[in-house]
Structures are given as structure tokens and as C-alpha cells.
Amino acid sequence: MVQVKDILTWVDAHAPLRFSESWDSCGLQVGDPEGKVDRVLVALDPGSETLLEAEAKDCQCLLTHHPLIFRPLSAVRPDLYPGALVMMALQKGVHVISAHSNLDVALGGTNDQLARLLSVQPAEPLEAASHLKGERGYMGLGCLGTLPRKMSLKDFAEFVQGVLGGVSMRVVGDLQKSVEKVALCTGSGGSLMEQVLARKVDVYVTGDVKYHEAQRALEGGLALLDVGHFASERVVVEPLAQMLRFQAAESGKSLVVLTSQSEKDPFVVF
């Protein structure tokens, strides 16, 4: 029999909770550590769609990257967000676990998975916490490396688009520019713009780029691919599910692990 605390243990072994940022909220957010789990749904976001999907697929646990509870709640009410989702999870008997900033910096986490998909080698972090350097399983935030061969920005953009399933993206820079040295940061990577510029890379792949950040990149001769928050991080869902399947099998326990088929990028491009 698998319990919620087993899933927490496996997540902590894969992406230790001690890797989490102080401002973050990771781990069990809704539910009972002693609760029994036969089926798990893995998703990027803990929203009404994924909670309903978990219920429809008879999953007692929802494991997500983004937290359901990010800041302390002043009330849990059906007319307030995210209290309404907390109530929904409790009413439907779905335990909710998040692996957020700990998964961003872990080997096998969001940034590591995107680097692997884009064949960026050797991968080194853009930013690393000094007290965690050298710890087993710790990679750091973002990634730097090179492509297997030089190509134009246009060809690289088309390659990334194909890898990420035809995602729409915003591109900054000369499409004929030759690129080889790459930086990437999944989610929202605008805050790392100055670090990226200082490393003299050719192109930066990230999401949620603001107008003035794009202008800063343009002035610094840095090409940008803004693939969006959702697409850059959704790549971790299947590997996270595979990790749970492996850990359950290694423990000799029966567990069905599914990945969400209902969630989608909230942005629609016309």
C-alpha cells in the first residue's frame, strides 16, 4: 500500500525540499500524510481542471510543479482564490503535493529536462546557491551550454518549436544570426537577464519576458526565445511521473501514475 508520505519521500529524494527557496511553498499542501493512494495524477498546475481530472480518473493524489498555496491564507472560502481550490481538493478527497523551486534546481528537474531536450551540453547553472553547491542532486537555477552545431536563430527557433510540440513563441534578434552558446531558464527567466548578458551567450530560451527585458537583450546583442511559462515547464511532467513509477516499483508497491491531459496554456495566440 502506498501512502501520501511515501510519495513525499520519493519527491524529496528526487528533488530535496531543502533545495526550495525561502519564499516558496513546497511539499504536502492539502491532505493527510497517512492517506492511502492507489492512483496519482501529475500536472504542472493545481487548478480546477486538474482537480476534476484527478477525481474523474479516481486519483487520490495530485502532484504538481506549481504550488496551490503560495502565500498564507487568511480564509478558506468558496468565493475566494485559492481557498475555493483548497475546499475542492478536500471535498473530493484529493491530496495535493507541490515540487516547485526544489524541482527547478534539481538534476532531472525543469531546467535539466529542457536542457536535455534541446541537446545543450555541457550544462552548467546560471545561478547556484553557495550552501548547496556540491550537494548530490543539486544543479542550480537555469542552464548554460552549447548546441551540437551552429545554426541560424531561425533554425534554432524552429527546432525548439518542434521539440516543444509546436508551441508559439516570441523571438528577439536577427533571425539570420548564428547561434551556438545557449542559456535557458524555465518559467520566468527575466530576472536573470543581466547574468545571461554577462556570460556572452548567443541566445536565451525562457518565458514571461517583459518588454523592457526584451529591449535590454536587443541592446546587448542577445537573441531571445520566449517560449512561454507553460511550455518551458510542462516538459517536467512526464519525467516526474516516470520517477514515481520507478520508485513504486523499486519499493514493491502498486501505484498507477497518470499525467494530466486536461491542462493547457492559459494563453491563446490569435
C-alpha atoms as a PDB file:
ATOM      1  CA  MET A   1       0.000   0.000   0.000  1.00  0.00           C
ATOM      2  CA  VAL A   2       1.267   3.467  -0.943  1.00  0.00           C
ATOM      3  CA  GLN A   3       0.622   6.381   1.392  1.00  0.00           C
ATOM      4  CA  VAL A   4       0.903  10.104   0.798  1.00  0.00           C
ATOM      5  CA  LYS A   5       4.033  10.163   2.955  1.00  0.00           C
ATOM      6  CA  ASP A   6       5.676   7.645   0.584  1.00  0.00           C
ATOM      7  CA  ILE A   7       5.129   9.982  -2.358  1.00  0.00           C
ATOM      8  CA  LEU A   8       6.556  12.837  -0.296  1.00  0.00           C
ATOM      9  CA  THR A   9       9.619  10.728   0.477  1.00  0.00           C
ATOM     10  CA  TRP A  10      10.152   9.887  -3.207  1.00  0.00           C
ATOM     11  CA  VAL A  11       9.743  13.511  -4.276  1.00  0.00           C
ATOM     12  CA  ASP A  12      12.174  14.607  -1.561  1.00  0.00           C
ATOM     13  CA  ALA A  13      14.742  12.050  -2.732  1.00  0.00           C
ATOM     14  CA  HIS A  14      14.372  13.248  -6.332  1.00  0.00           C
ATOM     15  CA  ALA A  15      14.255  16.996  -5.652  1.00  0.00           C
ATOM     16  CA  PRO A  16      15.055  17.583  -1.953  1.00  0.00           C
ATOM     17  CA  LEU A  17      12.752  20.038  -0.228  1.00  0.00           C
ATOM     18  CA  ARG A  18      15.818  21.659   1.341  1.00  0.00           C
ATOM     19  CA  PHE A  19      16.628  22.949  -2.166  1.00  0.00           C
ATOM     20  CA  SER A  20      13.471  25.118  -2.036  1.00  0.00           C
ATOM     21  CA  GLU A  21      13.710  28.890  -1.846  1.00  0.00           C
ATOM     22  CA  SER A  22      12.766  30.513   1.471  1.00  0.00           C
ATOM     23  CA  TRP A  23       9.855  32.351  -0.179  1.00  0.00           C
ATOM     24  CA  ASP A  24       8.426  29.184  -1.676  1.00  0.00           C
ATOM     25  CA  SER A  25       5.811  26.668  -0.585  1.00  0.00           C
ATOM     26  CA  CYS A  26       6.584  23.029  -1.410  1.00  0.00           C
ATOM     27  CA  GLY A  27       5.552  19.626  -0.117  1.00  0.00           C
ATOM     28  CA  LEU A  28       2.134  18.452   1.063  1.00  0.00           C
ATOM     29  CA  GLN A  29      -0.270  21.385   0.801  1.00  0.00           C
ATOM     30  CA  VAL A  30      -3.635  19.714   1.208  1.00  0.00           C
ATOM     31  CA  GLY A  31      -4.301  16.282   2.682  1.00  0.00           C
ATOM     32  CA  ASP A  32      -3.123  13.655   5.129  1.00  0.00           C
ATOM     33  CA  PRO A  33       0.389  12.147   5.149  1.00  0.00           C
ATOM     34  CA  GLU A  34      -1.175   8.844   6.247  1.00  0.00           C
ATOM     35  CA  GLY A  35      -3.703   8.830   3.411  1.00  0.00           C
ATOM     36  CA  LYS A  36      -3.853   5.808   1.113  1.00  0.00           C
ATOM     37  CA  VAL A  37      -3.007   6.343  -2.560  1.00  0.00           C
ATOM     38  CA  ASP A  38      -3.654   3.919  -5.414  1.00  0.00           C
ATOM     39  CA  ARG A  39      -3.534   6.403  -8.270  1.00  0.00           C
ATOM     40  CA  VAL A  40      -1.654   9.690  -8.775  1.00  0.00           C
ATOM     41  CA  LEU A  41      -2.154  12.434 -11.342  1.00  0.00           C
ATOM     42  CA  VAL A  42       0.935  14.510 -12.218  1.00  0.00           C
ATOM     43  CA  ALA A  43       0.411  18.006 -13.647  1.00  0.00           C
ATOM     44  CA  LEU A  44       2.010  21.414 -13.937  1.00  0.00           C
ATOM     45  CA  ASP A  45      -0.772  23.349 -12.206  1.00  0.00           C
ATOM     46  CA  PRO A  46      -3.185  22.657  -9.327  1.00  0.00           C
ATOM     47  CA  GLY A  47      -6.336  24.172 -10.824  1.00  0.00           C
ATOM     48  CA  SER A  48      -9.990  23.260 -11.014  1.00  0.00           C
ATOM     49  CA  GLU A  49      -9.387  21.371 -14.282  1.00  0.00           C
ATOM     50  CA  THR A  50      -6.691  19.118 -12.853  1.00  0.00           C
ATOM     51  CA  LEU A  51      -8.600  18.553  -9.612  1.00  0.00           C
ATOM     52  CA  LEU A  52     -11.666  17.498 -11.601  1.00  0.00           C
ATOM     53  CA  GLU A  53      -9.469  15.320 -13.804  1.00  0.00           C
ATOM     54  CA  ALA A  54      -7.986  13.671 -10.711  1.00  0.00           C
ATOM     55  CA  GLU A  55     -11.485  12.952  -9.432  1.00  0.00           C
ATOM     56  CA  ALA A  56     -12.647  11.629 -12.827  1.00  0.00           C
ATOM     57  CA  LYS A  57      -9.642   9.298 -13.036  1.00  0.00           C
ATOM     58  CA  ASP A  58     -10.057   8.136  -9.438  1.00  0.00           C
ATOM     59  CA  CYS A  59      -6.707   9.600  -8.385  1.00  0.00           C
ATOM     60  CA  GLN A  60      -6.347  10.247  -4.683  1.00  0.00           C
ATOM     61  CA  CYS A  61      -3.273  12.439  -5.103  1.00  0.00           C
ATOM     62  CA  LEU A  62      -2.349  15.352  -7.375  1.00  0.00           C
ATOM     63  CA  LEU A  63       1.379  16.083  -7.720  1.00  0.00           C
ATOM     64  CA  THR A  64       2.116  19.435  -9.352  1.00  0.00           C
ATOM     65  CA  HIS A  65       5.051  21.709 -10.021  1.00  0.00           C
ATOM     66  CA  HIS A  66       3.300  24.954  -9.128  1.00  0.00           C
ATOM     67  CA  PRO A  67       2.007  25.309  -5.561  1.00  0.00           C
ATOM     68  CA  LEU A  68      -1.680  25.566  -4.749  1.00  0.00           C
ATOM     69  CA  ILE A  69      -0.949  27.587  -1.606  1.00  0.00           C
ATOM     70  CA  PHE A  70       1.787  30.114  -2.289  1.00  0.00           C
ATOM     71  CA  ARG A  71       1.114  32.673   0.440  1.00  0.00           C
ATOM     72  CA  PRO A  72      -0.522  32.216   3.870  1.00  0.00           C
ATOM     73  CA  LEU A  73      -4.307  32.047   3.596  1.00  0.00           C
ATOM     74  CA  SER A  74      -6.476  34.447   5.568  1.00  0.00           C
ATOM     75  CA  ALA A  75      -9.616  32.460   4.770  1.00  0.00           C
ATOM     76  CA  VAL A  76     -10.763  29.284   3.029  1.00  0.00           C
ATOM     77  CA  ARG A  77     -13.993  30.207   1.260  1.00  0.00           C
ATOM     78  CA  PRO A  78     -15.706  29.023  -1.938  1.00  0.00           C
ATOM     79  CA  ASP A  79     -15.796  32.572  -3.288  1.00  0.00           C
ATOM     80  CA  LEU A  80     -12.093  33.318  -2.826  1.00  0.00           C
ATOM     81  CA  TYR A  81      -8.993  32.097  -4.680  1.00  0.00           C
ATOM     82  CA  PRO A  82      -7.180  29.849  -3.857  1.00  0.00           C
ATOM     83  CA  GLY A  83      -9.396  28.889  -0.924  1.00  0.00           C
ATOM     84  CA  ALA A  84     -12.033  27.587  -3.320  1.00  0.00           C
ATOM     85  CA  LEU A  85      -9.494  25.137  -4.761  1.00  0.00           C
ATOM     86  CA  VAL A  86      -8.409  24.034  -1.289  1.00  0.00           C
ATOM     87  CA  MET A  87     -12.066  23.322  -0.479  1.00  0.00           C
ATOM     88  CA  MET A  88     -12.489  21.455  -3.763  1.00  0.00           C
ATOM     89  CA  ALA A  89      -9.467  19.261  -3.037  1.00  0.00           C
ATOM     90  CA  LEU A  90     -10.725  18.459   0.463  1.00  0.00           C
ATOM     91  CA  GLN A  91     -14.265  17.749  -0.714  1.00  0.00           C
ATOM     92  CA  LYS A  92     -13.046  15.453  -3.474  1.00  0.00           C
ATOM     93  CA  GLY A  93     -10.519  13.711  -1.252  1.00  0.00           C
ATOM     94  CA  VAL A  94      -7.515  14.685  -3.377  1.00  0.00           C
ATOM     95  CA  HIS A  95      -4.203  15.151  -1.570  1.00  0.00           C
ATOM     96  CA  VAL A  96      -2.159  17.946  -3.206  1.00  0.00           C
ATOM     97  CA  ILE A  97       1.650  17.959  -3.263  1.00  0.00           C
ATOM     98  CA  SER A  98       3.884  20.521  -4.978  1.00  0.00           C
ATOM     99  CA  ALA A  99       7.529  20.377  -6.055  1.00  0.00           C
ATOM    100  CA  HIS A 100       8.337  23.920  -7.128  1.00  0.00           C
ATOM    101  CA  SER A 101      11.669  25.725  -6.671  1.00  0.00           C
ATOM    102  CA  ASN A 102      13.256  22.495  -5.407  1.00  0.00           C
ATOM    103  CA  LEU A 103      12.438  20.916  -8.792  1.00  0.00           C
ATOM    104  CA  ASP A 104      13.712  23.956 -10.691  1.00  0.00           C
ATOM    105  CA  VAL A 105      17.245  23.474  -9.343  1.00  0.00           C
ATOM    106  CA  ALA A 106      17.427  19.676  -9.131  1.00  0.00           C
ATOM    107  CA  LEU A 107      19.085  17.300 -11.572  1.00  0.00           C
ATOM    108  CA  GLY A 108      16.203  15.832 -13.533  1.00  0.00           C
ATOM    109  CA  GLY A 109      14.158  18.948 -12.788  1.00  0.00           C
ATOM    110  CA  THR A 110      12.636  21.583 -15.053  1.00  0.00           C
ATOM    111  CA  ASN A 111      15.836  23.247 -16.277  1.00  0.00           C
ATOM    112  CA  ASP A 112      17.732  19.972 -16.606  1.00  0.00           C
ATOM    113  CA  GLN A 113      14.913  18.413 -18.632  1.00  0.00           C
ATOM    114  CA  LEU A 114      14.696  21.374 -21.034  1.00  0.00           C
ATOM    115  CA  ALA A 115      18.491  21.352 -21.489  1.00  0.00           C
ATOM    116  CA  ARG A 116      18.377  17.658 -22.362  1.00  0.00           C
ATOM    117  CA  LEU A 117      15.555  18.144 -24.867  1.00  0.00           C
ATOM    118  CA  LEU A 118      17.461  20.963 -26.562  1.00  0.00           C
ATOM    119  CA  SER A 119      20.737  18.980 -26.549  1.00  0.00           C
ATOM    120  CA  VAL A 120      22.525  21.717 -24.588  1.00  0.00           C
ATOM    121  CA  GLN A 121      25.896  20.364 -23.389  1.00  0.00           C
ATOM    122  CA  PRO A 122      27.704  20.562 -21.070  1.00  0.00           C
ATOM    123  CA  ALA A 123      25.043  22.044 -18.816  1.00  0.00           C
ATOM    124  CA  GLU A 124      26.150  24.362 -16.013  1.00  0.00           C
ATOM    125  CA  PRO A 125      23.860  26.566 -13.908  1.00  0.00           C
ATOM    126  CA  LEU A 126      23.261  30.254 -14.440  1.00  0.00           C
ATOM    127  CA  GLU A 127      22.910  30.725 -10.714  1.00  0.00           C
ATOM    128  CA  ALA A 128      23.714  28.415  -7.797  1.00  0.00           C
ATOM    129  CA  ALA A 129      23.270  28.730  -4.035  1.00  0.00           C
ATOM    130  CA  SER A 130      26.689  28.629  -2.374  1.00  0.00           C
ATOM    131  CA  HIS A 131      25.447  26.494   0.536  1.00  0.00           C
ATOM    132  CA  LEU A 132      24.078  23.850  -1.853  1.00  0.00           C
ATOM    133  CA  LYS A 133      26.942  23.589  -4.334  1.00  0.00           C
ATOM    134  CA  GLY A 134      28.323  20.072  -4.415  1.00  0.00           C
ATOM    135  CA  GLU A 135      25.243  18.502  -2.851  1.00  0.00           C
ATOM    136  CA  ARG A 136      24.044  15.330  -4.506  1.00  0.00           C
ATOM    137  CA  GLY A 137      21.222  16.013  -6.949  1.00  0.00           C
ATOM    138  CA  TYR A 138      21.708  19.789  -6.944  1.00  0.00           C
ATOM    139  CA  MET A 139      22.191  21.547 -10.281  1.00  0.00           C
ATOM    140  CA  GLY A 140      21.271  25.198  -9.744  1.00  0.00           C
ATOM    141  CA  LEU A 141      18.938  27.626 -11.449  1.00  0.00           C
ATOM    142  CA  GLY A 142      18.938  27.945 -15.223  1.00  0.00           C
ATOM    143  CA  CYS A 143      21.490  26.429 -17.537  1.00  0.00           C
ATOM    144  CA  LEU A 144      24.393  27.333 -19.830  1.00  0.00           C
ATOM    145  CA  GLY A 145      25.883  25.221 -22.590  1.00  0.00           C
ATOM    146  CA  THR A 146      26.408  24.811 -26.304  1.00  0.00           C
ATOM    147  CA  LEU A 147      24.446  23.257 -29.136  1.00  0.00           C
ATOM    148  CA  PRO A 148      25.845  20.276 -31.070  1.00  0.00           C
ATOM    149  CA  ARG A 149      26.357  22.607 -34.058  1.00  0.00           C
ATOM    150  CA  LYS A 150      25.986  26.235 -35.029  1.00  0.00           C
ATOM    151  CA  MET A 151      22.741  27.221 -36.702  1.00  0.00           C
ATOM    152  CA  SER A 152      20.783  30.340 -37.523  1.00  0.00           C
ATOM    153  CA  LEU A 153      18.433  31.798 -34.932  1.00  0.00           C
ATOM    154  CA  LYS A 154      15.568  30.958 -37.298  1.00  0.00           C
ATOM    155  CA  ASP A 155      16.595  27.294 -37.496  1.00  0.00           C
ATOM    156  CA  PHE A 156      17.096  27.116 -33.746  1.00  0.00           C
ATOM    157  CA  ALA A 157      13.666  28.665 -33.126  1.00  0.00           C
ATOM    158  CA  GLU A 158      12.085  26.086 -35.445  1.00  0.00           C
ATOM    159  CA  PHE A 159      13.987  23.294 -33.673  1.00  0.00           C
ATOM    160  CA  VAL A 160      12.796  24.474 -30.243  1.00  0.00           C
ATOM    161  CA  GLN A 161       9.271  24.841 -31.555  1.00  0.00           C
ATOM    162  CA  GLY A 162       9.318  21.263 -32.788  1.00  0.00           C
ATOM    163  CA  VAL A 163      10.742  19.903 -29.543  1.00  0.00           C
ATOM    164  CA  LEU A 164       8.045  21.687 -27.529  1.00  0.00           C
ATOM    165  CA  GLY A 165       5.196  20.430 -29.673  1.00  0.00           C
ATOM    166  CA  GLY A 166       4.628  23.368 -31.995  1.00  0.00           C
ATOM    167  CA  VAL A 167       4.430  25.999 -29.264  1.00  0.00           C
ATOM    168  CA  SER A 168       4.027  29.638 -30.302  1.00  0.00           C
ATOM    169  CA  MET A 169       6.924  31.846 -29.271  1.00  0.00           C
ATOM    170  CA  ARG A 170       8.200  35.397 -29.344  1.00  0.00           C
ATOM    171  CA  VAL A 171      11.642  35.942 -30.862  1.00  0.00           C
ATOM    172  CA  VAL A 172      14.044  38.830 -30.306  1.00  0.00           C
ATOM    173  CA  GLY A 173      17.042  39.273 -32.617  1.00  0.00           C
ATOM    174  CA  ASP A 174      18.222  38.822 -36.186  1.00  0.00           C
ATOM    175  CA  LEU A 175      16.808  35.546 -37.499  1.00  0.00           C
ATOM    176  CA  GLN A 176      19.937  35.015 -39.603  1.00  0.00           C
ATOM    177  CA  LYS A 177      22.261  35.396 -36.610  1.00  0.00           C
ATOM    178  CA  SER A 178      24.437  32.341 -35.953  1.00  0.00           C
ATOM    179  CA  VAL A 179      23.824  30.796 -32.518  1.00  0.00           C
ATOM    180  CA  GLU A 180      25.724  28.111 -30.637  1.00  0.00           C
ATOM    181  CA  LYS A 181      26.147  29.131 -26.995  1.00  0.00           C
ATOM    182  CA  VAL A 182      22.807  28.904 -25.200  1.00  0.00           C
ATOM    183  CA  ALA A 183      21.363  29.938 -21.855  1.00  0.00           C
ATOM    184  CA  LEU A 184      17.973  28.798 -20.647  1.00  0.00           C
ATOM    185  CA  CYS A 185      15.710  29.191 -17.650  1.00  0.00           C
ATOM    186  CA  THR A 186      12.292  27.584 -17.421  1.00  0.00           C
ATOM    187  CA  GLY A 187       9.282  29.550 -16.213  1.00  0.00           C
ATOM    188  CA  SER A 188      10.010  33.261 -15.784  1.00  0.00           C
ATOM    189  CA  GLY A 189      13.661  33.999 -16.521  1.00  0.00           C
ATOM    190  CA  GLY A 190      13.669  37.748 -16.989  1.00  0.00           C
ATOM    191  CA  SER A 191      15.267  38.356 -13.592  1.00  0.00           C
ATOM    192  CA  LEU A 192      18.405  36.554 -14.796  1.00  0.00           C
ATOM    193  CA  MET A 193      18.855  38.779 -17.863  1.00  0.00           C
ATOM    194  CA  GLU A 194      21.966  40.559 -16.572  1.00  0.00           C
ATOM    195  CA  GLN A 195      23.642  37.260 -15.623  1.00  0.00           C
ATOM    196  CA  VAL A 196      22.906  35.928 -19.098  1.00  0.00           C
ATOM    197  CA  LEU A 197      24.292  39.023 -20.787  1.00  0.00           C
ATOM    198  CA  ALA A 198      27.439  38.810 -18.663  1.00  0.00           C
ATOM    199  CA  ARG A 199      28.038  35.239 -19.851  1.00  0.00           C
ATOM    200  CA  LYS A 200      28.171  36.341 -23.508  1.00  0.00           C
ATOM    201  CA  VAL A 201      25.826  33.682 -24.854  1.00  0.00           C
ATOM    202  CA  ASP A 202      24.205  33.872 -28.285  1.00  0.00           C
ATOM    203  CA  VAL A 203      20.615  33.089 -27.347  1.00  0.00           C
ATOM    204  CA  TYR A 204      18.481  32.832 -24.210  1.00  0.00           C
ATOM    205  CA  VAL A 205      15.473  30.496 -24.031  1.00  0.00           C
ATOM    206  CA  THR A 206      12.954  31.323 -21.301  1.00  0.00           C
ATOM    207  CA  GLY A 207       9.387  32.518 -20.667  1.00  0.00           C
ATOM    208  CA  ASP A 208       7.421  35.526 -19.438  1.00  0.00           C
ATOM    209  CA  VAL A 209       9.836  38.086 -20.908  1.00  0.00           C
ATOM    210  CA  LYS A 210       8.754  41.694 -20.337  1.00  0.00           C
ATOM    211  CA  TYR A 211       9.044  44.466 -22.921  1.00  0.00           C
ATOM    212  CA  HIS A 212      11.963  46.279 -21.281  1.00  0.00           C
ATOM    213  CA  GLU A 213      13.785  42.986 -20.705  1.00  0.00           C
ATOM    214  CA  ALA A 214      13.466  42.290 -24.422  1.00  0.00           C
ATOM    215  CA  GLN A 215      14.817  45.759 -25.192  1.00  0.00           C
ATOM    216  CA  ARG A 216      17.749  45.163 -22.839  1.00  0.00           C
ATOM    217  CA  ALA A 217      18.564  41.904 -24.633  1.00  0.00           C
ATOM    218  CA  LEU A 218      18.343  43.595 -28.022  1.00  0.00           C
ATOM    219  CA  GLU A 219      20.721  46.368 -26.956  1.00  0.00           C
ATOM    220  CA  GLY A 220      23.125  43.770 -25.557  1.00  0.00           C
ATOM    221  CA  GLY A 221      23.182  41.728 -28.761  1.00  0.00           C
ATOM    222  CA  LEU A 222      21.419  38.791 -27.098  1.00  0.00           C
ATOM    223  CA  ALA A 223      18.827  36.814 -29.052  1.00  0.00           C
ATOM    224  CA  LEU A 224      15.760  35.676 -27.107  1.00  0.00           C
ATOM    225  CA  LEU A 225      13.231  32.890 -27.491  1.00  0.00           C
ATOM    226  CA  ASP A 226      10.250  33.424 -25.208  1.00  0.00           C
ATOM    227  CA  VAL A 227       8.500  30.060 -25.391  1.00  0.00           C
ATOM    228  CA  GLY A 228       6.112  30.854 -22.565  1.00  0.00           C
ATOM    229  CA  HIS A 229       5.924  29.761 -18.950  1.00  0.00           C
ATOM    230  CA  PHE A 230       3.707  26.740 -19.578  1.00  0.00           C
ATOM    231  CA  ALA A 231       5.647  25.168 -22.442  1.00  0.00           C
ATOM    232  CA  SER A 232       9.039  25.636 -20.813  1.00  0.00           C
ATOM    233  CA  GLU A 233       7.990  23.816 -17.630  1.00  0.00           C
ATOM    234  CA  ARG A 234       5.423  21.271 -18.862  1.00  0.00           C
ATOM    235  CA  VAL A 235       8.416  19.210 -20.054  1.00  0.00           C
ATOM    236  CA  VAL A 236       8.973  18.028 -16.471  1.00  0.00           C
ATOM    237  CA  VAL A 237       5.567  16.369 -16.028  1.00  0.00           C
ATOM    238  CA  GLU A 238       6.246  13.035 -17.748  1.00  0.00           C
ATOM    239  CA  PRO A 239       9.740  12.582 -16.196  1.00  0.00           C
ATOM    240  CA  LEU A 240       8.223  13.288 -12.775  1.00  0.00           C
ATOM    241  CA  ALA A 241       5.581  10.634 -13.420  1.00  0.00           C
ATOM    242  CA  GLN A 242       8.269   8.187 -14.549  1.00  0.00           C
ATOM    243  CA  MET A 243      10.186   8.830 -11.328  1.00  0.00           C
ATOM    244  CA  LEU A 244       7.130   7.894  -9.242  1.00  0.00           C
ATOM    245  CA  ARG A 245       6.555   4.731 -11.283  1.00  0.00           C
ATOM    246  CA  PHE A 246      10.183   3.708 -10.795  1.00  0.00           C
ATOM    247  CA  GLN A 247      10.174   4.407  -7.053  1.00  0.00           C
ATOM    248  CA  ALA A 248       6.933   2.496  -6.514  1.00  0.00           C
ATOM    249  CA  ALA A 249       8.254  -0.494  -8.471  1.00  0.00           C
ATOM    250  CA  GLU A 250      11.558  -0.401  -6.549  1.00  0.00           C
ATOM    251  CA  SER A 251       9.577  -0.438  -3.301  1.00  0.00           C
ATOM    252  CA  GLY A 252       7.440  -3.332  -4.477  1.00  0.00           C
ATOM    253  CA  LYS A 253       4.287  -1.259  -4.209  1.00  0.00           C
ATOM    254  CA  SER A 254       1.396  -0.935  -6.633  1.00  0.00           C
ATOM    255  CA  LEU A 255       0.768   2.596  -7.896  1.00  0.00           C
ATOM    256  CA  VAL A 256      -0.870   3.888 -11.069  1.00  0.00           C
ATOM    257  CA  VAL A 257       0.686   7.180 -12.193  1.00  0.00           C
ATOM    258  CA  LEU A 258      -1.035   9.285 -14.849  1.00  0.00           C
ATOM    259  CA  THR A 259      -0.157  12.624 -16.444  1.00  0.00           C
ATOM    260  CA  SER A 260      -2.734  15.351 -16.938  1.00  0.00           C
ATOM    261  CA  GLN A 261      -4.397  15.505 -20.334  1.00  0.00           C
ATOM    262  CA  SER A 262      -6.714  18.398 -19.473  1.00  0.00           C
ATOM    263  CA  GLU A 263      -4.384  21.262 -18.603  1.00  0.00           C
ATOM    264  CA  LYS A 264      -3.292  23.704 -21.265  1.00  0.00           C
ATOM    265  CA  ASP A 265      -1.533  27.025 -21.635  1.00  0.00           C
ATOM    266  CA  PRO A 266      -3.957  29.749 -20.486  1.00  0.00           C
ATOM    267  CA  PHE A 267      -2.749  31.985 -23.333  1.00  0.00           C
ATOM    268  CA  VAL A 268      -4.323  31.585 -26.767  1.00  0.00           C
ATOM    269  CA  VAL A 269      -2.421  33.179 -29.663  1.00  0.00           C
ATOM    270  CA  PHE A 270      -4.538  34.598 -32.490  1.00  0.00           C
END
